[in-house]
N, C-alpha and C. Protein backbone atom coordinates (compact mmCIF):
# COMPACT_ATOMS: atom_id res chain seq x y z
N MET A 1 -5.11 38.63 -9.68
CA MET A 1 -4.75 38.21 -11.02
C MET A 1 -3.63 37.21 -11.05
N LYS A 2 -2.57 37.43 -10.19
CA LYS A 2 -1.48 36.51 -10.12
C LYS A 2 -1.92 35.13 -9.69
N LYS A 3 -2.86 35.08 -8.70
CA LYS A 3 -3.37 33.84 -8.22
C LYS A 3 -4.08 33.07 -9.35
N LEU A 4 -4.84 33.79 -10.18
CA LEU A 4 -5.56 33.18 -11.29
C LEU A 4 -4.57 32.59 -12.29
N ILE A 5 -3.57 33.32 -12.63
CA ILE A 5 -2.57 32.82 -13.57
C ILE A 5 -1.84 31.61 -12.97
N LEU A 6 -1.46 31.70 -11.70
CA LEU A 6 -0.84 30.55 -11.06
C LEU A 6 -1.72 29.34 -11.04
N LEU A 7 -3.01 29.53 -10.76
CA LEU A 7 -3.95 28.37 -10.72
C LEU A 7 -4.09 27.78 -12.18
N LEU A 8 -4.23 28.62 -13.19
CA LEU A 8 -4.32 28.10 -14.56
C LEU A 8 -3.09 27.40 -14.99
N SER A 9 -1.89 27.93 -14.62
CA SER A 9 -0.65 27.27 -14.94
C SER A 9 -0.56 25.89 -14.29
N PHE A 10 -0.98 25.82 -13.03
CA PHE A 10 -0.96 24.55 -12.33
C PHE A 10 -1.89 23.53 -13.00
N LEU A 11 -3.13 23.98 -13.40
CA LEU A 11 -4.07 23.09 -14.05
C LEU A 11 -3.54 22.62 -15.37
N ILE A 12 -2.92 23.49 -16.12
CA ILE A 12 -2.30 23.06 -17.45
C ILE A 12 -1.23 22.05 -17.17
N LEU A 13 -0.35 22.33 -16.23
CA LEU A 13 0.76 21.40 -15.85
C LEU A 13 0.19 20.05 -15.46
N LEU A 14 -0.82 20.04 -14.62
CA LEU A 14 -1.43 18.81 -14.10
C LEU A 14 -2.07 18.05 -15.25
N THR A 15 -2.78 18.72 -16.14
CA THR A 15 -3.42 18.06 -17.25
C THR A 15 -2.33 17.46 -18.21
N GLY A 16 -1.29 18.16 -18.44
CA GLY A 16 -0.20 17.65 -19.25
C GLY A 16 0.52 16.42 -18.65
N CYS A 17 0.62 16.39 -17.35
CA CYS A 17 1.26 15.26 -16.69
C CYS A 17 0.38 14.01 -16.71
N THR A 18 -0.93 14.17 -16.65
CA THR A 18 -1.80 12.99 -16.53
C THR A 18 -2.05 12.34 -17.91
N SER A 19 -1.71 13.04 -19.00
CA SER A 19 -1.95 12.45 -20.29
C SER A 19 -1.02 11.29 -20.58
N GLY A 20 0.13 11.14 -19.91
CA GLY A 20 0.99 10.07 -20.06
C GLY A 20 1.86 10.16 -21.36
N GLY A 21 1.81 11.34 -22.01
CA GLY A 21 2.68 11.54 -23.18
C GLY A 21 2.26 10.80 -24.39
N GLY A 22 1.08 10.19 -24.48
CA GLY A 22 0.64 9.48 -25.65
C GLY A 22 -0.66 8.75 -25.49
N TYR A 23 -1.26 8.86 -24.30
CA TYR A 23 -2.53 8.24 -24.07
C TYR A 23 -3.29 8.99 -22.99
N GLN A 24 -4.58 8.75 -23.00
CA GLN A 24 -5.43 9.32 -21.94
C GLN A 24 -6.37 8.23 -21.44
N VAL A 25 -6.57 8.24 -20.14
CA VAL A 25 -7.47 7.31 -19.49
C VAL A 25 -8.42 8.11 -18.62
N THR A 26 -9.76 7.81 -18.82
CA THR A 26 -10.76 8.47 -18.02
C THR A 26 -11.29 7.54 -16.96
N ASN A 27 -11.33 8.03 -15.71
CA ASN A 27 -11.81 7.30 -14.59
C ASN A 27 -11.17 5.87 -14.44
N ALA A 28 -9.87 5.87 -14.35
CA ALA A 28 -9.07 4.67 -14.13
C ALA A 28 -9.42 4.11 -12.75
N ILE A 29 -9.68 2.82 -12.65
CA ILE A 29 -10.03 2.20 -11.37
C ILE A 29 -8.96 1.14 -11.08
N GLY A 30 -8.21 1.26 -10.01
CA GLY A 30 -7.30 0.22 -9.55
C GLY A 30 -6.22 -0.18 -10.53
N GLU A 31 -5.41 0.72 -11.03
CA GLU A 31 -4.39 0.33 -11.94
C GLU A 31 -3.26 -0.41 -11.18
N THR A 32 -2.82 -1.52 -11.75
CA THR A 32 -1.73 -2.37 -11.21
C THR A 32 -0.63 -2.42 -12.26
N SER A 33 0.60 -2.17 -11.80
CA SER A 33 1.76 -2.28 -12.73
C SER A 33 2.95 -2.80 -11.90
N THR A 34 3.08 -4.17 -11.99
CA THR A 34 4.20 -4.83 -11.33
C THR A 34 4.85 -5.71 -12.39
N PRO A 35 6.08 -6.26 -12.13
CA PRO A 35 6.71 -7.11 -13.08
C PRO A 35 5.87 -8.37 -13.48
N GLY A 36 4.95 -8.76 -12.56
CA GLY A 36 4.17 -9.98 -12.86
C GLY A 36 2.72 -9.65 -13.29
N MET A 37 2.27 -8.38 -13.25
CA MET A 37 0.85 -8.11 -13.54
C MET A 37 0.72 -6.68 -14.00
N LEU A 38 -0.02 -6.50 -15.10
CA LEU A 38 -0.50 -5.17 -15.57
C LEU A 38 -2.02 -5.27 -15.63
N ALA A 39 -2.70 -4.30 -15.02
CA ALA A 39 -4.15 -4.37 -15.01
C ALA A 39 -4.70 -2.95 -14.83
N MET A 40 -5.89 -2.71 -15.46
CA MET A 40 -6.55 -1.45 -15.26
C MET A 40 -8.00 -1.61 -15.76
N THR A 41 -8.94 -0.97 -15.11
CA THR A 41 -10.33 -0.80 -15.54
C THR A 41 -10.52 0.68 -15.70
N TYR A 42 -11.36 1.09 -16.69
CA TYR A 42 -11.49 2.48 -16.98
C TYR A 42 -12.82 2.70 -17.80
N ASP A 43 -13.23 3.99 -17.78
CA ASP A 43 -14.35 4.33 -18.61
C ASP A 43 -13.94 4.57 -20.09
N ASN A 44 -12.72 5.05 -20.28
CA ASN A 44 -12.25 5.29 -21.64
C ASN A 44 -10.75 5.35 -21.70
N PHE A 45 -10.19 4.69 -22.69
CA PHE A 45 -8.69 4.68 -22.88
C PHE A 45 -8.45 4.92 -24.39
N ASN A 46 -7.65 5.97 -24.65
CA ASN A 46 -7.31 6.38 -25.97
C ASN A 46 -5.80 6.55 -26.09
N GLY A 47 -5.18 6.07 -27.16
CA GLY A 47 -3.76 6.25 -27.40
C GLY A 47 -2.98 4.99 -27.17
N THR A 48 -1.62 5.16 -27.06
CA THR A 48 -0.75 4.02 -26.89
C THR A 48 0.01 4.14 -25.56
N LYS A 49 -0.09 3.13 -24.78
CA LYS A 49 0.50 3.10 -23.44
C LYS A 49 1.61 2.02 -23.36
N PHE A 50 2.79 2.40 -22.93
CA PHE A 50 3.89 1.45 -22.73
C PHE A 50 3.53 0.62 -21.44
N GLY A 51 3.64 -0.71 -21.57
CA GLY A 51 3.33 -1.59 -20.47
C GLY A 51 4.53 -1.78 -19.59
N ASP A 52 5.54 -2.47 -20.12
CA ASP A 52 6.80 -2.75 -19.36
C ASP A 52 7.82 -3.44 -20.31
N PHE A 53 9.05 -3.54 -19.82
CA PHE A 53 10.07 -4.33 -20.50
C PHE A 53 10.09 -5.71 -19.92
N TYR A 54 10.38 -6.71 -20.83
CA TYR A 54 10.39 -8.07 -20.42
C TYR A 54 11.65 -8.73 -21.03
N PRO A 55 12.70 -8.99 -20.21
CA PRO A 55 13.81 -9.72 -20.72
C PRO A 55 13.53 -11.16 -20.76
N VAL A 56 14.00 -11.85 -21.83
CA VAL A 56 13.87 -13.29 -21.95
C VAL A 56 15.28 -13.89 -22.06
N ALA A 57 15.65 -14.75 -21.13
CA ALA A 57 16.97 -15.35 -21.08
C ALA A 57 16.97 -16.61 -21.99
N PRO A 58 18.12 -17.06 -22.44
CA PRO A 58 18.23 -18.25 -23.19
C PRO A 58 17.62 -19.43 -22.41
N GLY A 59 16.78 -20.19 -23.07
CA GLY A 59 16.13 -21.33 -22.41
C GLY A 59 14.91 -20.95 -21.59
N GLU A 60 14.53 -19.73 -21.55
CA GLU A 60 13.36 -19.26 -20.79
C GLU A 60 12.15 -19.01 -21.67
N THR A 61 11.02 -19.23 -21.10
CA THR A 61 9.73 -18.94 -21.75
C THR A 61 8.98 -17.93 -20.90
N VAL A 62 8.52 -16.85 -21.46
CA VAL A 62 7.67 -15.89 -20.78
C VAL A 62 6.32 -15.99 -21.35
N GLU A 63 5.31 -16.28 -20.51
CA GLU A 63 3.93 -16.42 -20.90
C GLU A 63 3.12 -15.22 -20.41
N PHE A 64 2.24 -14.70 -21.27
CA PHE A 64 1.43 -13.58 -20.94
C PHE A 64 -0.03 -14.15 -21.03
N LEU A 65 -0.75 -14.13 -19.88
CA LEU A 65 -2.12 -14.54 -19.79
C LEU A 65 -2.92 -13.25 -19.77
N VAL A 66 -3.71 -13.06 -20.81
CA VAL A 66 -4.44 -11.80 -21.05
C VAL A 66 -5.93 -11.99 -20.84
N ASN A 67 -6.51 -11.08 -20.09
CA ASN A 67 -7.96 -11.00 -19.91
C ASN A 67 -8.39 -9.58 -20.33
N VAL A 68 -9.33 -9.49 -21.22
CA VAL A 68 -9.79 -8.17 -21.70
C VAL A 68 -11.32 -8.13 -21.60
N GLU A 69 -11.81 -7.01 -21.13
CA GLU A 69 -13.26 -6.72 -21.17
C GLU A 69 -13.44 -5.51 -22.07
N THR A 70 -14.18 -5.75 -23.17
CA THR A 70 -14.46 -4.70 -24.12
C THR A 70 -15.95 -4.41 -24.11
N LEU A 71 -16.31 -3.20 -23.64
CA LEU A 71 -17.70 -2.78 -23.64
C LEU A 71 -17.95 -1.92 -24.88
N ASP A 72 -16.89 -1.29 -25.41
CA ASP A 72 -16.99 -0.49 -26.61
C ASP A 72 -15.58 -0.13 -27.06
N GLY A 73 -15.38 0.26 -28.30
CA GLY A 73 -14.09 0.65 -28.79
C GLY A 73 -13.16 -0.49 -29.16
N SER A 74 -11.88 -0.16 -29.24
CA SER A 74 -10.90 -1.16 -29.70
C SER A 74 -9.67 -1.17 -28.87
N LEU A 75 -9.13 -2.31 -28.58
CA LEU A 75 -7.86 -2.49 -27.84
C LEU A 75 -6.96 -3.40 -28.59
N THR A 76 -5.68 -3.00 -28.71
CA THR A 76 -4.69 -3.81 -29.37
C THR A 76 -3.50 -3.94 -28.41
N ILE A 77 -2.93 -5.16 -28.33
CA ILE A 77 -1.73 -5.40 -27.51
C ILE A 77 -0.64 -5.88 -28.50
N TYR A 78 0.57 -5.30 -28.37
CA TYR A 78 1.62 -5.75 -29.22
C TYR A 78 2.97 -5.71 -28.46
N VAL A 79 3.91 -6.55 -28.95
CA VAL A 79 5.22 -6.69 -28.33
C VAL A 79 6.28 -6.45 -29.40
N THR A 80 7.33 -5.67 -29.03
CA THR A 80 8.42 -5.41 -29.96
C THR A 80 9.73 -5.67 -29.25
N PRO A 81 10.81 -5.98 -29.97
CA PRO A 81 12.13 -6.00 -29.36
C PRO A 81 12.43 -4.58 -28.86
N GLU A 82 13.11 -4.48 -27.67
CA GLU A 82 13.39 -3.20 -27.12
C GLU A 82 14.27 -2.37 -28.12
N SER A 83 15.13 -3.05 -28.88
CA SER A 83 16.06 -2.36 -29.77
C SER A 83 15.41 -1.91 -31.09
N ASP A 84 14.18 -2.43 -31.40
CA ASP A 84 13.55 -2.04 -32.65
C ASP A 84 12.04 -1.96 -32.46
N GLU A 85 11.56 -0.82 -32.12
CA GLU A 85 10.12 -0.63 -31.86
C GLU A 85 9.28 -0.80 -33.09
N ASN A 86 9.82 -0.84 -34.27
CA ASN A 86 9.06 -1.03 -35.49
C ASN A 86 8.87 -2.46 -35.89
N MET A 87 9.60 -3.39 -35.22
CA MET A 87 9.49 -4.86 -35.53
C MET A 87 8.55 -5.49 -34.48
N ILE A 88 7.37 -5.79 -34.91
CA ILE A 88 6.41 -6.38 -33.98
C ILE A 88 6.53 -7.90 -34.00
N VAL A 89 6.75 -8.50 -32.83
CA VAL A 89 6.91 -9.96 -32.72
C VAL A 89 5.63 -10.65 -32.30
N TYR A 90 4.68 -9.84 -31.69
CA TYR A 90 3.36 -10.40 -31.37
C TYR A 90 2.36 -9.25 -31.41
N LYS A 91 1.16 -9.55 -31.94
CA LYS A 91 0.10 -8.52 -32.01
C LYS A 91 -1.24 -9.15 -31.97
N ALA A 92 -2.12 -8.67 -31.09
CA ALA A 92 -3.52 -9.01 -31.05
C ALA A 92 -4.33 -7.72 -31.25
N GLU A 93 -5.12 -7.64 -32.32
CA GLU A 93 -5.81 -6.41 -32.65
C GLU A 93 -7.31 -6.49 -32.38
N ASP A 94 -7.87 -5.37 -32.10
CA ASP A 94 -9.35 -5.25 -31.91
C ASP A 94 -9.85 -6.35 -30.96
N ILE A 95 -9.29 -6.50 -29.81
CA ILE A 95 -9.61 -7.58 -28.89
C ILE A 95 -10.98 -7.35 -28.27
N GLN A 96 -11.81 -8.38 -28.42
CA GLN A 96 -13.13 -8.31 -27.74
C GLN A 96 -13.00 -8.98 -26.42
N THR A 97 -14.06 -8.95 -25.61
CA THR A 97 -14.01 -9.59 -24.29
C THR A 97 -13.57 -11.04 -24.50
N SER A 98 -12.44 -11.40 -23.85
CA SER A 98 -11.84 -12.68 -24.02
C SER A 98 -10.72 -12.93 -23.03
N GLU A 99 -10.28 -14.19 -22.97
CA GLU A 99 -9.09 -14.60 -22.28
C GLU A 99 -8.23 -15.42 -23.22
N PHE A 100 -6.97 -15.10 -23.29
CA PHE A 100 -6.03 -15.86 -24.16
C PHE A 100 -4.64 -15.66 -23.61
N SER A 101 -3.66 -16.42 -24.16
CA SER A 101 -2.31 -16.31 -23.78
C SER A 101 -1.41 -16.35 -24.96
N PHE A 102 -0.22 -15.85 -24.79
CA PHE A 102 0.84 -15.97 -25.82
C PHE A 102 2.17 -16.08 -25.09
N ILE A 103 3.17 -16.61 -25.81
CA ILE A 103 4.49 -16.75 -25.22
C ILE A 103 5.54 -16.07 -26.05
N ILE A 104 6.59 -15.66 -25.40
CA ILE A 104 7.83 -15.19 -26.08
C ILE A 104 8.96 -16.06 -25.51
N ASP A 105 9.66 -16.78 -26.40
CA ASP A 105 10.76 -17.64 -25.95
C ASP A 105 12.05 -17.46 -26.68
N ASP A 106 12.13 -16.41 -27.55
CA ASP A 106 13.41 -16.07 -28.17
C ASP A 106 14.11 -15.12 -27.23
N PRO A 107 15.39 -15.45 -26.90
CA PRO A 107 16.13 -14.60 -26.02
C PRO A 107 16.24 -13.11 -26.49
N GLY A 108 16.10 -12.23 -25.57
CA GLY A 108 16.17 -10.78 -25.91
C GLY A 108 15.44 -9.93 -24.93
N GLU A 109 15.40 -8.63 -25.21
CA GLU A 109 14.70 -7.67 -24.37
C GLU A 109 13.47 -7.21 -25.21
N TYR A 110 12.31 -7.30 -24.60
CA TYR A 110 11.06 -7.00 -25.27
C TYR A 110 10.29 -5.88 -24.55
N ALA A 111 9.46 -5.19 -25.31
CA ALA A 111 8.60 -4.12 -24.76
C ALA A 111 7.17 -4.43 -25.16
N LEU A 112 6.26 -4.29 -24.18
CA LEU A 112 4.85 -4.58 -24.40
C LEU A 112 4.11 -3.23 -24.41
N TYR A 113 3.20 -3.09 -25.39
CA TYR A 113 2.43 -1.84 -25.54
C TYR A 113 0.90 -2.22 -25.60
N LEU A 114 0.11 -1.28 -25.15
CA LEU A 114 -1.33 -1.37 -25.28
C LEU A 114 -1.78 -0.16 -26.07
N SER A 115 -2.57 -0.34 -27.10
CA SER A 115 -3.05 0.79 -27.94
C SER A 115 -4.57 0.71 -28.01
N ALA A 116 -5.20 1.86 -27.73
CA ALA A 116 -6.69 1.83 -27.63
C ALA A 116 -7.31 2.98 -28.47
N ASP A 117 -8.49 2.68 -28.98
CA ASP A 117 -9.24 3.69 -29.71
C ASP A 117 -10.61 3.70 -29.06
N ASP A 118 -10.79 4.73 -28.14
CA ASP A 118 -12.05 4.82 -27.41
C ASP A 118 -12.51 3.53 -26.74
N HIS A 119 -11.53 2.80 -26.14
CA HIS A 119 -11.81 1.50 -25.48
C HIS A 119 -12.43 1.80 -24.15
N LYS A 120 -13.53 1.09 -23.90
CA LYS A 120 -14.21 1.14 -22.60
C LYS A 120 -14.17 -0.29 -22.06
N GLY A 121 -13.73 -0.39 -20.83
CA GLY A 121 -13.64 -1.73 -20.19
C GLY A 121 -12.41 -1.86 -19.36
N GLY A 122 -11.54 -2.82 -19.67
CA GLY A 122 -10.37 -3.03 -18.93
C GLY A 122 -9.54 -4.18 -19.39
N TYR A 123 -8.38 -4.41 -18.79
CA TYR A 123 -7.50 -5.48 -19.13
C TYR A 123 -6.75 -5.95 -17.92
N SER A 124 -6.31 -7.16 -17.97
CA SER A 124 -5.27 -7.65 -16.98
C SER A 124 -4.33 -8.58 -17.79
N ILE A 125 -3.02 -8.46 -17.51
CA ILE A 125 -2.06 -9.26 -18.15
C ILE A 125 -1.14 -9.82 -17.06
N GLN A 126 -1.20 -11.13 -16.86
CA GLN A 126 -0.36 -11.82 -15.88
C GLN A 126 0.83 -12.40 -16.58
N VAL A 127 1.99 -12.25 -16.04
CA VAL A 127 3.23 -12.66 -16.69
C VAL A 127 3.88 -13.78 -15.80
N THR A 128 4.17 -14.89 -16.43
CA THR A 128 4.85 -15.99 -15.73
C THR A 128 6.08 -16.39 -16.52
N ARG A 129 7.09 -16.82 -15.82
CA ARG A 129 8.38 -17.27 -16.42
C ARG A 129 8.64 -18.72 -16.09
N SER A 130 9.23 -19.42 -17.06
CA SER A 130 9.63 -20.80 -16.77
C SER A 130 10.89 -21.11 -17.62
N MET A 131 11.68 -22.04 -17.10
CA MET A 131 12.87 -22.46 -17.84
C MET A 131 12.47 -23.77 -18.61
N ASN A 132 12.98 -23.84 -19.82
CA ASN A 132 12.73 -25.02 -20.69
C ASN A 132 13.61 -26.17 -20.30
């Protein structure tokens, strides 16, 4: 009986840890998370996932090259200042299969988020920096 309780406790803990505290991904394939690239392919993505922080220095431009594959569902990408998560400085909603880019060139610290509603497919976001 103790082994069963221990096993169930472990499974509950494991399930809680894999949810990411606000999102769930089913059958993630090859997730990449580096300062220059965010990418993942999956069967299903639900919820909101923090991507990364991106500081922008005075005179600097940060470009985000986005590739999205949408087989079903909805994917939204948005950027906020790190100090104010309610102020959105960039947002692309219900992204269909496409490639596009956007830039942030106002100095500050920014946070990138991905929000999905039963999204099937994947995304890649390549980040490049240049001085003006």
